[in-house]
């Protein structure tokens, strides 16, 4: 059995130091990649939340016009409800610099959920859809990754004529 001298032990240890540098460099690269992916996913979720809010606001805003339609069908047409919803949606999306990629984002529906033609049945609901592109910044640095995810949301709102009943039990019989 051959014994290594102190000098050969030190030279062997010295050669292994380069392995640690390579390992640390690769680990750092992987850590930066995971952090970048986490930031991109957070950005996509933030844009999805913004689109959901814009679609909800558009559907609820236009549903108030449906209430007016029920009281006087001659003043509010289905086309007016659709145009109002599209305008609200476009304004809300423009606040964070997004543009809806759908050509017909708003559908006015009757009581059964079927689309209403402009001179058709009485509208009862409105469906608003939006799809935007959520740009990624850090992942596009990687070669061969030209990925731009789409973020979509849909909201349906009906006329706001709802009856809410509230019953208060003051007798104490319910516990």
Protein backbone atom coordinates (compact mmCIF):
# COMPACT_ATOMS: atom_id res chain seq x y z
CA UNK A 1 0.00 0.00 0.00
CA UNK A 2 1.39 3.32 -1.08
CA UNK A 3 1.35 6.21 1.35
CA UNK A 4 0.83 9.67 -0.01
CA UNK A 5 3.11 12.36 1.17
CA UNK A 6 1.77 15.58 2.61
CA UNK A 7 2.71 17.41 -0.54
CA UNK A 8 0.74 15.00 -2.77
CA UNK A 9 -2.27 15.22 -0.44
CA UNK A 10 -2.27 19.01 -0.72
CA UNK A 11 -1.94 18.91 -4.50
CA UNK A 12 -4.85 16.43 -4.72
CA UNK A 13 -7.00 18.67 -2.50
CA UNK A 14 -6.00 21.67 -4.59
CA UNK A 15 -7.22 20.00 -7.77
CA UNK A 16 -10.69 19.38 -6.26
CA UNK A 17 -11.23 23.06 -5.49
CA UNK A 18 -12.07 23.74 -9.13
CA UNK A 19 -14.98 21.31 -8.91
CA UNK A 20 -16.58 23.41 -6.19
CA UNK A 21 -16.39 26.55 -8.28
CA UNK A 22 -18.12 24.81 -11.19
CA UNK A 23 -20.78 23.40 -8.85
CA UNK A 24 -21.46 26.82 -7.28
CA UNK A 25 -21.68 28.46 -10.72
CA UNK A 26 -24.18 25.87 -11.97
CA UNK A 27 -26.22 26.11 -8.77
CA UNK A 28 -26.32 29.90 -9.04
CA UNK A 29 -27.50 29.67 -12.65
CA UNK A 30 -30.28 27.26 -11.65
CA UNK A 31 -31.30 29.48 -8.72
CA UNK A 32 -31.54 32.55 -10.95
CA UNK A 33 -33.62 30.53 -13.45
CA UNK A 34 -36.07 29.40 -10.76
CA UNK A 35 -36.36 32.96 -9.42
CA UNK A 36 -37.01 34.26 -12.95
CA UNK A 37 -39.69 31.63 -13.49
CA UNK A 38 -41.35 32.60 -10.21
CA UNK A 39 -41.37 36.28 -11.25
CA UNK A 40 -42.87 35.44 -14.65
CA UNK A 41 -45.61 33.29 -13.12
CA UNK A 42 -46.41 36.11 -10.70
CA UNK A 43 -46.65 38.56 -13.60
CA UNK A 44 -48.99 36.24 -15.52
CA UNK A 45 -51.22 35.82 -12.46
CA UNK A 46 -51.29 39.60 -11.91
CA UNK A 47 -52.40 40.13 -15.52
CA UNK A 48 -55.03 37.39 -15.16
CA UNK A 49 -56.42 39.14 -12.08
CA UNK A 50 -56.53 42.45 -13.97
CA UNK A 51 -58.39 40.86 -16.90
CA UNK A 52 -60.89 39.22 -14.53
CA UNK A 53 -61.56 42.56 -12.85
CA UNK A 54 -62.02 44.32 -16.20
CA UNK A 55 -64.42 41.63 -17.46
CA UNK A 56 -66.40 41.64 -14.20
CA UNK A 57 -66.69 45.43 -14.21
CA UNK A 58 -67.86 45.41 -17.81
CA UNK A 59 -70.50 42.74 -17.24
CA UNK A 60 -71.82 44.36 -14.05
CA UNK A 61 -71.84 47.84 -15.58
CA UNK A 62 -73.78 46.69 -18.62
CA UNK A 63 -76.18 44.67 -16.47
CA UNK A 64 -77.52 47.93 -15.05
CA UNK A 65 -78.62 48.81 -18.58
CA UNK A 66 -80.50 45.51 -18.70
CA UNK A 67 -82.51 46.72 -15.71
CA UNK A 68 -83.43 49.86 -17.65
CA UNK A 69 -84.39 47.68 -20.62
CA UNK A 70 -86.90 45.82 -18.46
CA UNK A 71 -88.59 49.05 -17.36
CA UNK A 72 -88.79 50.64 -20.82
CA UNK A 73 -87.80 48.44 -23.79
CA UNK A 74 -88.04 51.38 -26.19
CA UNK A 75 -85.20 53.34 -24.58
CA UNK A 76 -82.50 50.68 -24.29
CA UNK A 77 -81.72 48.30 -27.12
CA UNK A 78 -79.60 45.18 -26.95
CA UNK A 79 -77.04 46.91 -29.17
CA UNK A 80 -76.72 49.75 -26.66
CA UNK A 81 -76.00 47.25 -23.87
CA UNK A 82 -73.36 45.52 -25.98
CA UNK A 83 -71.64 48.77 -26.96
CA UNK A 84 -71.60 49.97 -23.34
CA UNK A 85 -70.04 46.70 -22.16
CA UNK A 86 -67.39 46.84 -24.90
CA UNK A 87 -66.52 50.43 -24.00
CA UNK A 88 -66.23 49.65 -20.27
CA UNK A 89 -64.05 46.62 -21.07
CA UNK A 90 -61.77 48.57 -23.41
CA UNK A 91 -61.38 51.39 -20.87
CA UNK A 92 -60.53 48.99 -18.05
CA UNK A 93 -58.02 47.05 -20.15
CA UNK A 94 -56.41 50.28 -21.36
CA UNK A 95 -55.65 51.26 -17.75
CA UNK A 96 -52.86 48.68 -17.67
CA UNK A 97 -51.93 48.85 -21.33
CA UNK A 98 -53.70 45.74 -22.58
CA UNK A 99 -55.83 45.24 -25.68
CA UNK A 100 -58.47 42.53 -26.04
CA UNK A 101 -57.59 40.18 -28.87
CA UNK A 102 -61.16 38.91 -29.29
CA UNK A 103 -63.16 40.50 -32.10
CA UNK A 104 -66.59 40.10 -30.46
CA UNK A 105 -66.05 40.11 -26.69
CA UNK A 106 -69.64 40.81 -25.64
CA UNK A 107 -72.74 38.66 -26.17
CA UNK A 108 -76.20 39.72 -25.02
CA UNK A 109 -78.28 36.71 -23.91
CA UNK A 110 -81.98 36.07 -23.34
CA UNK A 111 -83.43 34.29 -20.29
CA UNK A 112 -82.50 30.84 -21.63
CA UNK A 113 -78.88 31.85 -22.29
CA UNK A 114 -79.25 32.07 -26.09
CA UNK A 115 -77.74 35.04 -27.91
CA UNK A 116 -80.17 37.87 -28.61
CA UNK A 117 -80.19 39.39 -32.05
CA UNK A 118 -80.36 43.16 -32.18
CA UNK A 119 -84.12 43.09 -32.82
CA UNK A 120 -84.79 39.78 -31.11
CA UNK A 121 -85.95 38.69 -27.69
CA UNK A 122 -85.69 40.63 -24.47
CA UNK A 123 -82.11 40.54 -23.14
CA UNK A 124 -81.68 39.17 -19.61
CA UNK A 125 -77.94 38.48 -19.34
CA UNK A 126 -74.69 39.70 -20.75
CA UNK A 127 -71.54 37.63 -21.31
CA UNK A 128 -68.19 39.39 -21.56
CA UNK A 129 -64.95 37.67 -22.61
CA UNK A 130 -61.42 38.98 -22.86
CA UNK A 131 -58.10 37.50 -23.93
CA UNK A 132 -54.85 39.42 -23.71
CA UNK A 133 -51.23 38.55 -24.20
CA UNK A 134 -49.19 38.64 -20.99
CA UNK A 135 -45.63 39.46 -22.05
CA UNK A 136 -42.77 37.63 -20.35
CA UNK A 137 -39.44 39.35 -19.91
CA UNK A 138 -36.93 37.10 -18.19
CA UNK A 139 -37.77 33.83 -19.94
CA UNK A 140 -37.29 35.35 -23.40
CA UNK A 141 -33.59 35.70 -22.61
CA UNK A 142 -33.23 31.94 -22.99
CA UNK A 143 -32.56 30.89 -26.58
CA UNK A 144 -35.42 29.22 -28.42
CA UNK A 145 -38.06 30.34 -25.92
CA UNK A 146 -40.33 32.82 -27.73
CA UNK A 147 -43.32 32.22 -25.48
CA UNK A 148 -46.07 34.80 -24.93
CA UNK A 149 -48.91 33.33 -22.85
CA UNK A 150 -52.54 34.34 -23.36
CA UNK A 151 -54.62 35.26 -20.32
CA UNK A 152 -58.42 34.86 -20.60
CA UNK A 153 -61.45 35.62 -18.46
CA UNK A 154 -65.23 35.36 -18.86
CA UNK A 155 -68.05 36.91 -16.84
CA UNK A 156 -71.82 36.59 -17.11
CA UNK A 157 -74.11 39.05 -15.37
CA UNK A 158 -77.88 39.17 -15.40
CA UNK A 159 -80.28 41.99 -14.88
CA UNK A 160 -79.93 43.25 -11.35
CA UNK A 161 -83.59 42.85 -10.46
CA UNK A 162 -83.18 40.41 -7.63
CA UNK A 163 -85.32 40.04 -4.55
CA UNK A 164 -83.49 39.50 -1.31
CA UNK A 165 -85.42 38.37 1.74
CA UNK A 166 -83.93 38.67 5.17
CA UNK A 167 -85.54 36.92 8.09
CA UNK A 168 -84.55 37.81 11.61
CA UNK A 169 -85.47 35.38 14.37
CA UNK A 170 -85.82 37.36 17.56
CA UNK A 171 -87.73 34.65 19.42
CA UNK A 172 -84.57 32.75 20.35
CA UNK A 173 -85.99 29.49 19.05
CA UNK A 174 -83.00 28.90 16.80
CA UNK A 175 -80.49 28.73 19.57
